């Protein structure tokens, strides 16, 4: 995924999730893209879904923490992760 093209990545991730609704990595990436686009409610939902699907996988908690931090600080478009 090219983080410099979040608008283009969004439909690809959504399509991937539609085909494989338990694809944890897609939800993590979707949360990141939505955070960059400052669509925080949707980003939070995607990050939470990733954690629901794989609660014991540490990598799923990073996007959730990143989105929560972005919401708290108002810097969601920074693209840091």
C-alpha atoms as a PDB file:
ATOM      1  CA  UNK A   1       0.000   0.000   0.000  1.00  0.00           C
ATOM      2  CA  UNK A   2       1.346   3.410  -0.954  1.00  0.00           C
ATOM      3  CA  UNK A   3       0.562   5.779   1.905  1.00  0.00           C
ATOM      4  CA  UNK A   4       0.904   8.704  -0.482  1.00  0.00           C
ATOM      5  CA  UNK A   5      -2.273   7.591  -2.266  1.00  0.00           C
ATOM      6  CA  UNK A   6      -4.796   6.925   0.510  1.00  0.00           C
ATOM      7  CA  UNK A   7      -7.783   7.860  -1.641  1.00  0.00           C
ATOM      8  CA  UNK A   8      -6.762   5.226  -4.182  1.00  0.00           C
ATOM      9  CA  UNK A   9      -6.025   2.597  -1.540  1.00  0.00           C
ATOM     10  CA  UNK A  10      -9.401   2.961   0.137  1.00  0.00           C
ATOM     11  CA  UNK A  11     -11.602   1.202  -2.454  1.00  0.00           C
ATOM     12  CA  UNK A  12      -9.030  -1.557  -2.879  1.00  0.00           C
ATOM     13  CA  UNK A  13      -9.048  -2.286   0.834  1.00  0.00           C
ATOM     14  CA  UNK A  14     -12.833  -2.152   0.982  1.00  0.00           C
ATOM     15  CA  UNK A  15     -13.043  -4.586  -1.919  1.00  0.00           C
ATOM     16  CA  UNK A  16     -10.554  -6.928  -0.255  1.00  0.00           C
ATOM     17  CA  UNK A  17     -12.578  -6.912   2.955  1.00  0.00           C
ATOM     18  CA  UNK A  18     -15.775  -7.617   1.033  1.00  0.00           C
ATOM     19  CA  UNK A  19     -14.129 -10.705  -0.450  1.00  0.00           C
ATOM     20  CA  UNK A  20     -12.371 -11.808   2.745  1.00  0.00           C
ATOM     21  CA  UNK A  21     -14.216 -10.366   5.752  1.00  0.00           C
ATOM     22  CA  UNK A  22     -11.854 -11.969   8.239  1.00  0.00           C
ATOM     23  CA  UNK A  23      -8.674 -10.525   6.680  1.00  0.00           C
ATOM     24  CA  UNK A  24      -7.124  -8.888   9.721  1.00  0.00           C
ATOM     25  CA  UNK A  25      -4.340  -7.137   7.805  1.00  0.00           C
ATOM     26  CA  UNK A  26      -6.891  -5.451   5.556  1.00  0.00           C
ATOM     27  CA  UNK A  27      -8.692  -4.010   8.570  1.00  0.00           C
ATOM     28  CA  UNK A  28      -5.397  -2.762  10.000  1.00  0.00           C
ATOM     29  CA  UNK A  29      -4.498  -1.108   6.708  1.00  0.00           C
ATOM     30  CA  UNK A  30      -8.013   0.280   6.316  1.00  0.00           C
ATOM     31  CA  UNK A  31      -7.779   1.872   9.766  1.00  0.00           C
ATOM     32  CA  UNK A  32      -4.499   3.520   8.785  1.00  0.00           C
ATOM     33  CA  UNK A  33      -5.837   4.854   5.494  1.00  0.00           C
ATOM     34  CA  UNK A  34      -9.006   6.181   7.100  1.00  0.00           C
ATOM     35  CA  UNK A  35      -6.937   7.845   9.820  1.00  0.00           C
ATOM     36  CA  UNK A  36      -4.831   9.593   7.192  1.00  0.00           C
ATOM     37  CA  UNK A  37      -8.040  10.763   5.524  1.00  0.00           C
ATOM     38  CA  UNK A  38      -9.199  12.035   8.933  1.00  0.00           C
ATOM     39  CA  UNK A  39     -12.246   9.778   8.874  1.00  0.00           C
ATOM     40  CA  UNK A  40     -11.748   8.935  12.508  1.00  0.00           C
ATOM     41  CA  UNK A  41     -15.031   7.187  13.309  1.00  0.00           C
ATOM     42  CA  UNK A  42     -14.560   4.770  10.426  1.00  0.00           C
ATOM     43  CA  UNK A  43     -10.875   4.318  11.269  1.00  0.00           C
ATOM     44  CA  UNK A  44     -11.762   3.467  14.836  1.00  0.00           C
ATOM     45  CA  UNK A  45     -14.360   0.923  13.708  1.00  0.00           C
ATOM     46  CA  UNK A  46     -11.849  -0.756  11.352  1.00  0.00           C
ATOM     47  CA  UNK A  47      -9.154  -0.866  14.034  1.00  0.00           C
ATOM     48  CA  UNK A  48     -11.564  -2.324  16.565  1.00  0.00           C
ATOM     49  CA  UNK A  49     -12.656  -4.956  14.062  1.00  0.00           C
ATOM     50  CA  UNK A  50      -9.042  -6.021  13.561  1.00  0.00           C
ATOM     51  CA  UNK A  51      -8.653  -6.461  17.316  1.00  0.00           C
ATOM     52  CA  UNK A  52     -11.929  -8.408  17.489  1.00  0.00           C
ATOM     53  CA  UNK A  53     -10.693 -10.777  14.787  1.00  0.00           C
ATOM     54  CA  UNK A  54      -7.265 -11.326  16.344  1.00  0.00           C
ATOM     55  CA  UNK A  55      -7.214 -10.122  19.953  1.00  0.00           C
ATOM     56  CA  UNK A  56      -4.049 -12.035  20.798  1.00  0.00           C
ATOM     57  CA  UNK A  57      -2.107 -10.648  17.839  1.00  0.00           C
ATOM     58  CA  UNK A  58      -0.070  -7.637  19.030  1.00  0.00           C
ATOM     59  CA  UNK A  59       0.042  -6.137  15.533  1.00  0.00           C
ATOM     60  CA  UNK A  60      -3.710  -5.514  15.615  1.00  0.00           C
ATOM     61  CA  UNK A  61      -3.411  -3.249  18.631  1.00  0.00           C
ATOM     62  CA  UNK A  62      -1.024  -0.781  16.990  1.00  0.00           C
ATOM     63  CA  UNK A  63      -3.554   0.642  14.496  1.00  0.00           C
ATOM     64  CA  UNK A  64      -6.111   0.950  17.289  1.00  0.00           C
ATOM     65  CA  UNK A  65      -3.662   2.848  19.480  1.00  0.00           C
ATOM     66  CA  UNK A  66      -2.635   5.026  16.551  1.00  0.00           C
ATOM     67  CA  UNK A  67      -6.231   5.968  15.740  1.00  0.00           C
ATOM     68  CA  UNK A  68      -7.026   6.686  19.379  1.00  0.00           C
ATOM     69  CA  UNK A  69      -3.946   8.893  19.618  1.00  0.00           C
ATOM     70  CA  UNK A  70      -4.918  10.706  16.415  1.00  0.00           C
ATOM     71  CA  UNK A  71      -8.383  11.366  17.777  1.00  0.00           C
ATOM     72  CA  UNK A  72      -6.940  12.602  21.068  1.00  0.00           C
ATOM     73  CA  UNK A  73      -4.361  14.904  19.501  1.00  0.00           C
ATOM     74  CA  UNK A  74      -6.279  15.874  16.365  1.00  0.00           C
ATOM     75  CA  UNK A  75      -3.310  14.929  14.167  1.00  0.00           C
ATOM     76  CA  UNK A  76      -4.857  12.020  12.293  1.00  0.00           C
ATOM     77  CA  UNK A  77      -3.642  13.120   8.879  1.00  0.00           C
ATOM     78  CA  UNK A  78       0.012  13.020   9.852  1.00  0.00           C
ATOM     79  CA  UNK A  79       0.413   9.516   8.417  1.00  0.00           C
ATOM     80  CA  UNK A  80       2.599   8.422  11.302  1.00  0.00           C
ATOM     81  CA  UNK A  81       2.378   4.848  12.405  1.00  0.00           C
END
